N, C-alpha and C. Protein backbone atom coordinates (compact mmCIF):
# COMPACT_ATOMS: atom_id res chain seq x y z
N MET A 1 -35.54 65.25 -74.02
CA MET A 1 -36.31 64.04 -74.87
C MET A 1 -37.44 63.37 -74.16
N ILE A 2 -38.81 63.74 -75.01
CA ILE A 2 -39.81 63.19 -74.36
C ILE A 2 -40.22 62.01 -74.02
N LYS A 3 -40.42 61.51 -72.66
CA LYS A 3 -40.19 60.23 -72.50
C LYS A 3 -41.70 59.81 -71.70
N GLY A 4 -42.75 60.52 -71.67
CA GLY A 4 -43.87 60.21 -71.54
C GLY A 4 -45.03 61.27 -72.11
N ILE A 5 -46.33 60.51 -72.36
CA ILE A 5 -47.08 61.33 -73.26
C ILE A 5 -48.41 61.57 -71.87
N ILE A 6 -49.28 62.99 -71.71
CA ILE A 6 -50.18 63.23 -70.97
C ILE A 6 -51.73 63.11 -72.12
N PHE A 7 -52.70 62.48 -71.97
CA PHE A 7 -53.55 62.89 -73.02
C PHE A 7 -54.71 63.42 -72.07
N ASP A 8 -55.61 64.61 -72.71
CA ASP A 8 -56.74 64.68 -71.99
C ASP A 8 -57.94 63.47 -73.07
N LEU A 9 -58.97 63.69 -72.31
CA LEU A 9 -59.58 62.52 -72.70
C LEU A 9 -61.02 63.17 -73.57
N ASP A 10 -61.98 63.72 -73.31
CA ASP A 10 -62.72 64.48 -73.93
C ASP A 10 -62.59 65.21 -74.88
N GLY A 11 -62.77 65.34 -76.02
CA GLY A 11 -62.25 66.08 -76.92
C GLY A 11 -60.69 66.25 -77.86
N THR A 12 -60.52 64.94 -77.21
CA THR A 12 -59.11 64.78 -77.49
C THR A 12 -58.57 63.07 -77.85
N LEU A 13 -59.26 62.24 -77.24
CA LEU A 13 -59.40 61.44 -77.68
C LEU A 13 -61.08 60.31 -77.46
N VAL A 14 -61.67 60.96 -77.42
CA VAL A 14 -63.20 60.82 -77.41
C VAL A 14 -63.78 61.85 -77.43
N ARG A 15 -65.36 62.03 -77.86
CA ARG A 15 -66.33 63.36 -77.74
C ARG A 15 -67.58 62.99 -77.00
N LEU A 16 -67.87 63.23 -75.78
CA LEU A 16 -69.05 63.19 -75.12
C LEU A 16 -69.83 63.91 -75.11
N PRO A 17 -71.38 63.21 -75.52
CA PRO A 17 -72.37 64.03 -76.36
C PRO A 17 -72.80 64.49 -74.79
N ILE A 18 -72.14 65.52 -74.02
CA ILE A 18 -72.71 65.70 -72.44
C ILE A 18 -73.56 66.95 -72.82
N LYS A 19 -74.98 66.63 -72.14
CA LYS A 19 -75.86 67.68 -72.28
C LYS A 19 -75.92 69.10 -71.25
N TYR A 20 -74.70 69.83 -71.33
CA TYR A 20 -74.70 70.48 -70.77
C TYR A 20 -75.70 71.70 -69.73
N ASP A 21 -76.82 71.69 -71.18
CA ASP A 21 -77.93 72.87 -70.98
C ASP A 21 -78.75 71.84 -70.00
N LYS A 22 -78.48 70.66 -69.23
CA LYS A 22 -79.45 69.77 -68.23
C LYS A 22 -78.72 70.12 -66.78
N ILE A 23 -77.23 70.19 -67.13
CA ILE A 23 -76.61 70.16 -65.87
C ILE A 23 -76.82 71.53 -65.45
N PHE A 24 -76.32 73.01 -66.49
CA PHE A 24 -76.35 74.09 -66.39
C PHE A 24 -77.93 74.50 -65.05
N THR A 25 -79.12 73.95 -66.09
CA THR A 25 -80.11 73.98 -65.16
C THR A 25 -80.23 73.52 -63.45
N LYS A 26 -80.27 72.20 -63.59
CA LYS A 26 -79.97 71.70 -62.05
C LYS A 26 -78.83 72.18 -61.06
N LEU A 27 -77.93 72.96 -61.86
CA LEU A 27 -76.96 73.64 -61.04
C LEU A 27 -77.79 74.98 -60.79
N GLN A 28 -78.45 75.70 -61.36
CA GLN A 28 -79.31 76.78 -61.09
C GLN A 28 -80.03 76.65 -60.23
N ASP A 29 -80.61 75.53 -60.26
CA ASP A 29 -81.65 75.13 -59.17
C ASP A 29 -80.83 74.75 -58.06
N LEU A 30 -79.72 73.80 -57.78
CA LEU A 30 -79.13 74.06 -56.98
C LEU A 30 -78.50 74.85 -56.37
N PHE A 31 -78.27 76.37 -56.99
CA PHE A 31 -77.49 77.33 -56.15
C PHE A 31 -78.73 78.23 -56.13
N ASP A 32 -79.91 78.13 -56.84
CA ASP A 32 -80.94 79.07 -56.26
C ASP A 32 -80.10 80.24 -57.11
N THR A 33 -79.92 80.38 -58.42
CA THR A 33 -79.58 81.38 -59.30
C THR A 33 -79.66 81.28 -60.63
N GLN A 34 -79.97 82.20 -61.53
CA GLN A 34 -79.96 81.98 -62.51
C GLN A 34 -78.96 82.38 -63.59
N ASP A 35 -77.55 82.71 -62.82
CA ASP A 35 -76.24 82.94 -63.15
C ASP A 35 -75.80 81.46 -64.31
N GLU A 36 -75.13 82.21 -65.38
CA GLU A 36 -74.53 80.97 -66.19
C GLU A 36 -73.38 80.50 -64.86
N PHE A 37 -72.35 79.04 -65.56
CA PHE A 37 -72.21 78.22 -64.96
C PHE A 37 -70.67 78.13 -65.89
N LYS A 38 -70.19 79.25 -66.43
CA LYS A 38 -69.35 79.03 -67.39
C LYS A 38 -68.06 79.75 -66.74
N PRO A 39 -66.55 79.46 -66.84
CA PRO A 39 -66.41 78.10 -66.99
C PRO A 39 -67.34 76.84 -66.18
N LEU A 40 -67.61 76.15 -65.95
CA LEU A 40 -68.11 75.30 -65.18
C LEU A 40 -67.76 74.71 -63.67
N ILE A 41 -66.70 74.34 -63.66
CA ILE A 41 -65.88 73.83 -62.71
C ILE A 41 -65.90 75.02 -61.63
N GLN A 42 -64.94 76.21 -62.10
CA GLN A 42 -64.42 77.14 -61.61
C GLN A 42 -65.55 77.92 -60.97
N THR A 43 -66.40 77.80 -61.61
CA THR A 43 -67.76 78.80 -61.34
C THR A 43 -68.33 77.97 -60.12
N ILE A 44 -68.66 76.44 -60.29
CA ILE A 44 -68.94 75.88 -58.92
C ILE A 44 -68.23 75.96 -57.73
N ILE A 45 -67.04 75.91 -57.91
CA ILE A 45 -66.08 76.18 -56.86
C ILE A 45 -66.85 77.32 -56.08
N LYS A 46 -66.48 78.86 -57.31
CA LYS A 46 -66.59 79.90 -56.16
C LYS A 46 -67.98 79.94 -55.59
N LYS A 47 -69.00 79.63 -56.32
CA LYS A 47 -70.30 79.83 -55.79
C LYS A 47 -70.82 79.17 -54.55
N ALA A 48 -70.08 78.27 -54.42
CA ALA A 48 -69.87 76.87 -53.14
C ALA A 48 -69.43 77.86 -52.29
N ASN A 49 -68.36 78.86 -52.47
CA ASN A 49 -67.55 79.15 -51.32
C ASN A 49 -66.79 77.97 -50.07
N ASN A 50 -66.41 77.35 -51.03
CA ASN A 50 -65.53 75.79 -50.44
C ASN A 50 -66.30 75.11 -49.44
N ASP A 51 -67.39 75.29 -49.91
CA ASP A 51 -68.61 74.16 -49.11
C ASP A 51 -68.57 73.04 -49.61
N SER A 52 -67.18 72.03 -49.32
CA SER A 52 -67.45 71.03 -49.68
C SER A 52 -68.68 69.38 -49.97
N LYS A 53 -69.27 69.99 -48.94
CA LYS A 53 -71.14 69.11 -49.49
C LYS A 53 -72.08 69.75 -50.50
N ILE A 54 -71.63 70.86 -50.80
CA ILE A 54 -72.08 71.70 -51.68
C ILE A 54 -71.75 71.00 -53.26
N ILE A 55 -70.23 71.26 -53.13
CA ILE A 55 -69.41 71.14 -54.67
C ILE A 55 -69.66 69.81 -54.47
N GLU A 56 -69.48 68.73 -53.64
CA GLU A 56 -69.84 67.35 -54.33
C GLU A 56 -71.74 66.90 -54.89
N LYS A 57 -72.35 67.99 -54.16
CA LYS A 57 -73.60 67.79 -54.99
C LYS A 57 -73.42 68.03 -56.14
N ALA A 58 -72.90 69.32 -56.16
CA ALA A 58 -72.84 69.60 -57.94
C ALA A 58 -72.01 68.94 -58.79
N PHE A 59 -70.94 68.41 -58.15
CA PHE A 59 -70.52 67.31 -58.95
C PHE A 59 -70.87 65.84 -59.10
N ASN A 60 -71.87 65.71 -58.40
CA ASN A 60 -72.54 64.46 -58.78
C ASN A 60 -73.75 65.25 -60.22
N ILE A 61 -74.30 65.76 -59.81
CA ILE A 61 -74.74 66.25 -61.02
C ILE A 61 -74.65 66.36 -62.07
N ILE A 62 -73.27 66.87 -62.48
CA ILE A 62 -72.52 66.74 -63.52
C ILE A 62 -72.12 65.38 -63.57
N CYS A 63 -71.71 64.25 -62.84
CA CYS A 63 -71.23 63.06 -63.28
C CYS A 63 -72.27 62.03 -63.62
N GLU A 64 -73.86 62.65 -63.25
CA GLU A 64 -74.84 61.93 -63.65
C GLU A 64 -75.13 61.93 -65.53
N GLU A 65 -74.86 63.14 -65.74
CA GLU A 65 -75.06 63.42 -67.10
C GLU A 65 -73.51 63.02 -67.63
N GLU A 66 -72.42 62.92 -67.53
CA GLU A 66 -71.42 62.32 -67.86
C GLU A 66 -71.15 60.83 -67.99
N VAL A 67 -71.93 60.15 -67.22
CA VAL A 67 -72.29 58.55 -67.17
C VAL A 67 -73.13 58.35 -68.59
N ILE A 68 -74.22 59.00 -68.25
CA ILE A 68 -75.38 58.90 -69.67
C ILE A 68 -74.50 59.13 -71.17
N ALA A 69 -73.68 60.24 -70.83
CA ALA A 69 -72.72 60.73 -71.97
C ALA A 69 -71.54 59.57 -73.06
N ALA A 70 -71.49 58.55 -71.37
CA ALA A 70 -70.41 57.59 -71.54
C ALA A 70 -70.75 56.38 -72.29
N LYS A 71 -72.07 56.51 -72.43
CA LYS A 71 -72.70 55.11 -72.67
C LYS A 71 -73.01 55.45 -74.03
N ASN A 72 -72.85 56.69 -74.85
CA ASN A 72 -73.06 57.09 -76.04
C ASN A 72 -71.71 57.86 -77.13
N PHE A 73 -70.65 57.75 -76.43
CA PHE A 73 -69.31 58.84 -77.02
C PHE A 73 -68.77 58.03 -77.74
N LYS A 74 -68.06 58.84 -78.95
CA LYS A 74 -67.85 58.38 -80.18
C LYS A 74 -66.11 58.60 -79.95
N VAL A 75 -65.54 57.62 -80.45
CA VAL A 75 -63.89 57.32 -80.49
C VAL A 75 -63.37 58.57 -81.73
N ILE A 76 -62.17 59.49 -81.16
CA ILE A 76 -61.69 60.17 -82.40
C ILE A 76 -61.05 59.73 -83.03
N ASP A 77 -61.00 60.08 -84.20
CA ASP A 77 -60.05 59.20 -85.38
C ASP A 77 -58.41 59.17 -84.89
N GLY A 78 -57.98 57.92 -84.75
CA GLY A 78 -56.91 57.37 -84.40
C GLY A 78 -56.53 57.40 -83.70
N SER A 79 -57.34 57.83 -82.30
CA SER A 79 -56.58 57.75 -81.04
C SER A 79 -56.60 56.22 -80.27
N ILE A 80 -57.07 55.36 -80.53
CA ILE A 80 -56.70 53.88 -80.14
C ILE A 80 -55.18 53.59 -80.70
N ASP A 81 -55.13 53.89 -82.00
CA ASP A 81 -54.06 53.30 -82.71
C ASP A 81 -52.77 54.50 -82.29
N ILE A 82 -53.09 55.50 -81.46
CA ILE A 82 -52.00 56.39 -81.69
C ILE A 82 -51.23 56.44 -80.19
N LEU A 83 -52.58 55.57 -79.63
CA LEU A 83 -52.11 55.22 -77.79
C LEU A 83 -51.10 54.17 -77.68
N ASN A 84 -51.51 52.84 -79.03
CA ASN A 84 -51.09 52.05 -78.95
C ASN A 84 -49.76 52.31 -79.85
N TYR A 85 -49.74 52.83 -80.66
CA TYR A 85 -48.28 53.40 -81.20
C TYR A 85 -47.30 53.69 -80.33
N PHE A 86 -47.77 55.11 -79.34
CA PHE A 86 -47.20 55.49 -77.80
C PHE A 86 -46.45 54.16 -77.54
N LYS A 87 -47.39 53.36 -77.23
CA LYS A 87 -47.23 52.55 -75.68
C LYS A 87 -46.12 51.25 -76.48
N ASN A 88 -46.21 50.91 -77.62
CA ASN A 88 -45.14 50.21 -78.05
C ASN A 88 -44.09 50.32 -78.39
N LYS A 89 -44.14 51.77 -78.49
CA LYS A 89 -42.31 52.76 -78.41
C LYS A 89 -41.59 52.87 -77.24
N ASN A 90 -42.47 52.26 -76.22
CA ASN A 90 -42.40 52.28 -74.94
C ASN A 90 -42.31 54.09 -74.25
N TYR A 91 -43.01 54.55 -74.45
CA TYR A 91 -43.35 55.92 -73.64
C TYR A 91 -44.35 55.37 -72.53
N ALA A 92 -44.38 56.20 -71.24
CA ALA A 92 -45.37 56.18 -70.66
C ALA A 92 -46.53 57.02 -70.89
N LEU A 93 -47.53 56.68 -70.66
CA LEU A 93 -48.63 57.20 -70.99
C LEU A 93 -49.53 57.59 -69.83
N CYS A 94 -50.13 58.79 -69.28
CA CYS A 94 -51.35 59.40 -68.50
C CYS A 94 -52.55 59.86 -68.99
N LEU A 95 -53.45 59.77 -68.13
CA LEU A 95 -54.84 60.21 -69.08
C LEU A 95 -55.16 61.40 -67.68
N VAL A 96 -55.34 62.06 -68.00
CA VAL A 96 -56.02 63.52 -67.26
C VAL A 96 -57.65 63.82 -68.41
N THR A 97 -58.63 63.83 -67.25
CA THR A 97 -59.62 64.17 -67.48
C THR A 97 -60.59 65.24 -66.37
N MET A 98 -61.33 66.09 -66.90
CA MET A 98 -62.25 66.93 -66.08
C MET A 98 -63.84 66.11 -66.04
N GLN A 99 -63.80 64.50 -66.34
CA GLN A 99 -64.71 64.27 -66.37
C GLN A 99 -64.45 62.90 -65.06
N CYS A 100 -65.85 62.57 -64.27
CA CYS A 100 -65.47 61.71 -62.93
C CYS A 100 -64.80 60.49 -63.37
N MET A 101 -64.73 59.80 -62.45
CA MET A 101 -63.84 58.43 -62.78
C MET A 101 -64.93 57.68 -63.35
N LYS A 102 -66.38 57.76 -62.76
CA LYS A 102 -67.30 56.59 -63.12
C LYS A 102 -67.41 56.66 -64.55
N ALA A 103 -67.90 57.65 -65.15
CA ALA A 103 -68.15 57.86 -66.75
C ALA A 103 -66.37 57.44 -67.67
N ALA A 104 -65.33 58.15 -67.05
CA ALA A 104 -63.95 58.00 -67.53
C ALA A 104 -63.87 56.44 -67.60
N LYS A 105 -64.52 55.59 -67.00
CA LYS A 105 -64.07 53.90 -66.27
C LYS A 105 -65.23 53.26 -67.60
N ILE A 106 -66.13 53.81 -67.51
CA ILE A 106 -66.97 53.26 -68.99
C ILE A 106 -66.45 53.23 -69.75
N VAL A 107 -65.89 54.62 -70.59
CA VAL A 107 -64.72 55.01 -71.74
C VAL A 107 -63.85 54.26 -71.99
N LEU A 108 -63.11 54.06 -70.95
CA LEU A 108 -62.05 53.33 -70.83
C LEU A 108 -62.35 51.86 -71.39
N ASP A 109 -63.13 51.21 -70.41
CA ASP A 109 -63.31 49.97 -70.28
C ASP A 109 -63.79 49.68 -71.84
N LYS A 110 -65.11 50.53 -72.22
CA LYS A 110 -65.71 49.91 -73.72
C LYS A 110 -64.33 50.00 -75.17
N MET A 111 -63.29 51.16 -74.64
CA MET A 111 -62.22 51.11 -75.57
C MET A 111 -61.15 50.44 -75.35
N GLN A 112 -61.38 49.55 -74.69
CA GLN A 112 -60.41 48.19 -73.71
C GLN A 112 -58.79 49.12 -73.85
N ILE A 113 -58.60 50.37 -73.19
CA ILE A 113 -57.48 50.95 -73.07
C ILE A 113 -56.97 51.03 -72.05
N SER A 114 -57.75 50.90 -70.82
CA SER A 114 -57.23 51.25 -69.11
C SER A 114 -55.95 51.09 -69.17
N GLU A 115 -55.77 49.98 -69.49
CA GLU A 115 -54.37 49.33 -69.15
C GLU A 115 -52.69 49.58 -69.91
N LEU A 116 -53.25 50.46 -70.62
CA LEU A 116 -52.05 51.43 -71.66
C LEU A 116 -51.69 52.59 -70.74
N PHE A 117 -52.32 52.84 -69.49
CA PHE A 117 -52.16 54.19 -68.64
C PHE A 117 -51.52 54.20 -67.43
N SER A 118 -50.55 54.71 -67.08
CA SER A 118 -49.70 54.34 -66.13
C SER A 118 -50.52 55.26 -64.96
N SER A 119 -51.01 56.39 -65.47
CA SER A 119 -51.97 56.54 -64.26
C SER A 119 -53.22 56.93 -65.21
N ILE A 120 -54.33 57.87 -64.47
CA ILE A 120 -55.58 58.23 -64.53
C ILE A 120 -55.86 59.08 -63.73
N ILE A 121 -55.71 60.37 -63.93
CA ILE A 121 -56.47 61.01 -63.45
C ILE A 121 -57.72 61.79 -63.68
N THR A 122 -58.80 61.70 -62.55
CA THR A 122 -60.08 62.45 -63.32
C THR A 122 -60.44 63.40 -62.12
N ARG A 123 -61.72 64.27 -62.43
CA ARG A 123 -62.22 65.14 -61.75
C ARG A 123 -62.05 64.78 -59.89
N ASP A 124 -62.38 63.73 -59.77
CA ASP A 124 -62.60 63.16 -58.33
C ASP A 124 -61.77 63.43 -57.96
N ILE A 125 -60.31 63.41 -58.08
CA ILE A 125 -58.72 63.48 -57.82
C ILE A 125 -58.61 65.20 -57.77
N SER A 126 -58.61 65.70 -58.77
CA SER A 126 -58.32 66.90 -58.64
C SER A 126 -59.38 67.92 -59.80
N SER A 127 -59.58 68.68 -59.70
CA SER A 127 -60.76 69.41 -60.93
C SER A 127 -59.80 71.01 -61.14
N GLU A 128 -58.34 70.52 -61.18
CA GLU A 128 -57.62 71.78 -61.57
C GLU A 128 -56.52 71.08 -62.70
N ARG A 129 -56.69 71.34 -64.06
CA ARG A 129 -55.84 70.45 -64.86
C ARG A 129 -54.32 70.81 -64.32
N SER A 130 -54.02 71.71 -63.82
CA SER A 130 -52.43 71.90 -63.87
C SER A 130 -52.42 70.65 -62.60
N ILE A 131 -53.25 70.80 -61.58
CA ILE A 131 -52.33 69.41 -60.64
C ILE A 131 -52.94 68.47 -61.11
N GLN A 132 -53.69 68.18 -61.85
CA GLN A 132 -53.66 66.88 -63.05
C GLN A 132 -52.64 66.33 -63.24
N ILE A 133 -52.18 67.40 -64.26
CA ILE A 133 -50.55 67.63 -65.06
C ILE A 133 -49.63 66.64 -64.36
N LYS A 134 -49.49 67.64 -62.87
CA LYS A 134 -48.70 67.43 -61.81
C LYS A 134 -48.50 66.14 -61.33
N LYS A 135 -49.62 65.95 -60.67
CA LYS A 135 -50.02 64.39 -59.91
C LYS A 135 -49.91 63.09 -61.12
N SER A 136 -49.54 63.59 -62.44
CA SER A 136 -49.18 62.40 -63.58
C SER A 136 -47.93 62.59 -64.29
N VAL A 137 -47.10 63.85 -63.80
CA VAL A 137 -45.60 63.70 -63.89
C VAL A 137 -45.10 63.36 -62.87
N ASP A 138 -45.88 63.50 -61.53
CA ASP A 138 -44.84 62.50 -59.87
C ASP A 138 -45.04 61.30 -60.57
N VAL A 139 -46.13 60.75 -60.55
CA VAL A 139 -46.21 58.96 -61.17
C VAL A 139 -45.39 58.56 -62.26
N LEU A 140 -44.78 59.59 -63.03
CA LEU A 140 -43.88 59.02 -63.90
C LEU A 140 -42.59 59.24 -63.58
N SER A 141 -42.55 60.12 -62.76
CA SER A 141 -40.91 60.37 -61.97
C SER A 141 -39.78 60.78 -63.07
N PHE A 142 -40.99 61.36 -64.05
CA PHE A 142 -39.87 62.73 -65.05
C PHE A 142 -39.84 63.40 -64.50
N PHE A 143 -38.60 64.59 -65.35
CA PHE A 143 -38.88 65.94 -65.39
C PHE A 143 -39.99 66.53 -66.08
N PRO A 144 -40.71 67.15 -65.69
CA PRO A 144 -41.86 67.76 -66.44
C PRO A 144 -41.55 68.00 -68.19
N ASP A 145 -40.23 68.36 -68.25
CA ASP A 145 -39.76 68.78 -69.62
C ASP A 145 -39.32 67.73 -70.71
N GLU A 146 -39.82 66.62 -69.71
CA GLU A 146 -39.72 65.00 -70.60
C GLU A 146 -40.97 64.41 -70.66
N VAL A 147 -41.83 65.09 -70.73
CA VAL A 147 -43.34 64.89 -70.73
C VAL A 147 -44.26 65.79 -71.56
N MET A 148 -44.60 65.27 -73.03
CA MET A 148 -45.76 66.18 -73.10
C MET A 148 -47.28 65.76 -73.28
N VAL A 149 -47.88 67.21 -73.03
CA VAL A 149 -49.06 67.12 -72.71
C VAL A 149 -50.20 67.41 -74.17
N VAL A 150 -50.97 66.27 -74.65
CA VAL A 150 -51.99 66.59 -75.77
C VAL A 150 -53.26 66.61 -75.08
N GLY A 151 -53.62 67.74 -75.70
CA GLY A 151 -55.17 68.38 -75.35
C GLY A 151 -56.06 69.12 -76.24
N ASP A 152 -57.29 69.06 -76.29
CA ASP A 152 -58.00 70.24 -77.69
C ASP A 152 -58.05 71.49 -76.99
N ARG A 153 -57.90 71.94 -75.09
CA ARG A 153 -58.06 73.66 -74.98
C ARG A 153 -57.12 74.22 -74.67
N ILE A 154 -56.88 75.37 -74.73
CA ILE A 154 -56.17 75.99 -74.95
C ILE A 154 -55.46 76.38 -73.48
N HIS A 155 -56.40 76.08 -72.20
CA HIS A 155 -56.74 76.01 -70.78
C HIS A 155 -55.52 74.44 -70.36
N ASP A 156 -56.05 73.53 -71.53
CA ASP A 156 -54.56 72.72 -71.14
C ASP A 156 -53.19 72.86 -71.86
N VAL A 157 -52.75 74.05 -72.74
CA VAL A 157 -52.15 74.22 -72.77
C VAL A 157 -51.37 75.51 -71.31
N VAL A 158 -51.98 76.20 -71.58
CA VAL A 158 -51.48 76.78 -70.07
C VAL A 158 -51.14 76.05 -68.77
N SER A 159 -52.37 75.12 -68.72
CA SER A 159 -51.72 74.30 -67.25
C SER A 159 -50.23 73.40 -67.19
N ALA A 160 -49.90 72.86 -68.97
CA ALA A 160 -49.15 72.02 -69.30
C ALA A 160 -47.82 73.03 -69.39
N LYS A 161 -47.60 74.05 -69.58
CA LYS A 161 -46.73 75.02 -69.49
C LYS A 161 -46.43 75.74 -67.91
N GLN A 162 -47.62 75.56 -66.96
CA GLN A 162 -47.36 75.76 -65.59
C GLN A 162 -46.32 74.89 -64.86
N VAL A 163 -47.02 73.59 -65.20
CA VAL A 163 -45.91 72.66 -65.10
C VAL A 163 -44.79 72.67 -65.47
N GLY A 164 -44.78 72.93 -66.64
CA GLY A 164 -43.21 72.77 -67.27
C GLY A 164 -42.80 71.67 -68.27
N CYS A 165 -44.10 71.01 -68.55
CA CYS A 165 -44.39 70.23 -69.58
C CYS A 165 -44.68 70.84 -71.17
N ILE A 166 -44.15 69.62 -72.46
CA ILE A 166 -44.63 70.49 -73.58
C ILE A 166 -45.71 69.95 -74.01
N PRO A 167 -46.26 71.57 -74.75
CA PRO A 167 -47.99 71.35 -74.80
C PRO A 167 -48.10 70.98 -76.48
N ILE A 168 -49.17 70.16 -76.74
CA ILE A 168 -49.75 70.04 -78.06
C ILE A 168 -51.00 70.16 -78.05
N LEU A 169 -51.50 71.58 -79.07
CA LEU A 169 -52.54 71.44 -79.16
C LEU A 169 -53.59 70.58 -79.83
N PHE A 170 -54.42 70.00 -79.89
CA PHE A 170 -55.17 69.13 -80.86
C PHE A 170 -56.37 70.05 -81.18
N ASN A 171 -56.37 70.71 -82.21
CA ASN A 171 -57.62 71.27 -82.13
C ASN A 171 -57.36 71.95 -83.92
N LYS A 172 -58.32 71.72 -84.37
CA LYS A 172 -58.32 72.09 -85.73
C LYS A 172 -58.76 73.41 -86.28
N SER A 173 -59.61 74.46 -85.61
CA SER A 173 -59.60 75.71 -85.40
C SER A 173 -58.67 76.40 -85.16
N LYS A 174 -57.63 76.06 -84.35
CA LYS A 174 -56.67 76.83 -84.18
C LYS A 174 -55.67 76.74 -84.88
N ILE A 175 -55.25 75.90 -85.71
CA ILE A 175 -54.19 75.42 -86.63
C ILE A 175 -53.35 76.85 -87.13
N ASP A 176 -53.90 78.03 -87.52
CA ASP A 176 -53.57 79.20 -87.99
C ASP A 176 -53.70 79.84 -87.30
N SER A 177 -54.37 80.06 -86.03
CA SER A 177 -54.27 81.69 -85.41
C SER A 177 -53.75 81.25 -83.97
N PHE A 178 -53.05 80.10 -83.60
CA PHE A 178 -52.93 79.87 -81.95
C PHE A 178 -51.30 79.75 -82.21
N LYS A 179 -50.19 80.41 -81.87
CA LYS A 179 -49.28 80.59 -81.82
C LYS A 179 -48.03 80.09 -80.23
N ASP A 180 -48.93 79.91 -79.60
CA ASP A 180 -48.11 79.33 -78.34
C ASP A 180 -47.39 77.71 -78.36
N CYS A 181 -47.90 77.40 -78.80
CA CYS A 181 -47.42 75.95 -79.21
C CYS A 181 -47.59 75.30 -80.45
N LYS A 182 -46.93 73.78 -81.02
CA LYS A 182 -47.40 73.34 -81.73
C LYS A 182 -49.12 72.73 -82.12
N VAL A 183 -49.56 72.97 -82.68
CA VAL A 183 -51.32 72.79 -83.35
C VAL A 183 -51.38 71.81 -84.19
N ILE A 184 -51.97 70.85 -83.66
CA ILE A 184 -51.99 69.42 -85.23
C ILE A 184 -53.81 69.36 -84.99
N SER A 185 -54.39 68.65 -86.35
CA SER A 185 -55.49 68.76 -86.64
C SER A 185 -56.06 67.48 -86.47
N GLU A 186 -55.05 66.18 -86.50
CA GLU A 186 -55.53 64.85 -86.38
C GLU A 186 -54.37 64.34 -85.52
N LEU A 187 -54.90 63.66 -84.53
CA LEU A 187 -53.69 62.58 -83.90
C LEU A 187 -52.55 61.75 -84.39
N PRO A 188 -52.54 61.37 -85.88
CA PRO A 188 -51.87 61.08 -86.15
C PRO A 188 -50.36 61.71 -86.58
N GLN A 189 -50.85 63.17 -86.59
CA GLN A 189 -49.94 64.23 -86.35
C GLN A 189 -48.36 64.24 -85.52
N LEU A 190 -49.19 63.78 -84.54
CA LEU A 190 -48.13 63.59 -83.11
C LEU A 190 -46.85 62.74 -83.50
N ILE A 191 -47.03 61.61 -84.23
CA ILE A 191 -46.26 60.68 -84.80
C ILE A 191 -45.08 62.08 -85.08
N LYS A 192 -45.04 62.98 -86.02
CA LYS A 192 -44.50 63.56 -86.42
C LYS A 192 -43.80 64.59 -85.53
N GLN A 193 -43.91 64.62 -84.38
CA GLN A 193 -43.47 65.73 -83.21
C GLN A 193 -42.10 65.27 -83.19
N ASN A 194 -41.31 66.64 -82.50
CA ASN A 194 -39.70 66.13 -82.24
C ASN A 194 -39.82 66.05 -80.91
N PHE A 195 -39.41 64.74 -80.48
CA PHE A 195 -39.49 63.84 -79.44
C PHE A 195 -38.18 63.98 -78.65
N HIS A 196 -36.88 64.52 -79.04
CA HIS A 196 -35.43 64.77 -79.12
C HIS A 196 -35.56 66.04 -78.77
N ASN A 197 -35.91 66.99 -78.46
CA ASN A 197 -35.63 68.46 -77.89
C ASN A 197 -35.15 68.55 -76.97
């Protein structure tokens, strides 16, 4: 039986207009390379060779652009309603995001939804999605299979499964092609999911 739901932020609840081209250029300068930074976080960690000062500088570059984007975000249709719906039904809610806390806080404060979450795990706490999910499950004190994870990327699905949670992919373009878990095209479809599996 599902008792808690972990939501991703960017791409699931909101759309952040992050200027990745600017981030990539600044990171190429920092690391003195023309290499691509994709996937972003993993590439930074690899190129920094575990040098925490370089990683911090790189993450600060990203955070600056995320904060700018956070001032111009768009709320995804139904996101606030769906959070309130599940909170009113006494589900515990958590938030995970690969954005920095500074940017996440701007978004959550503008949406007035911070108080809905039992925990908010940002990149500042962990840059590994599976660790973010695990920490959220620990905060909730539920078994992993009592927690649903809603995200817009296949990496969210893989990470949720690694922890033992039930993944839901919120991605219109994967509705017919992705078979590893339930796929929804709109957030209100979450209400129809089986919460008593």
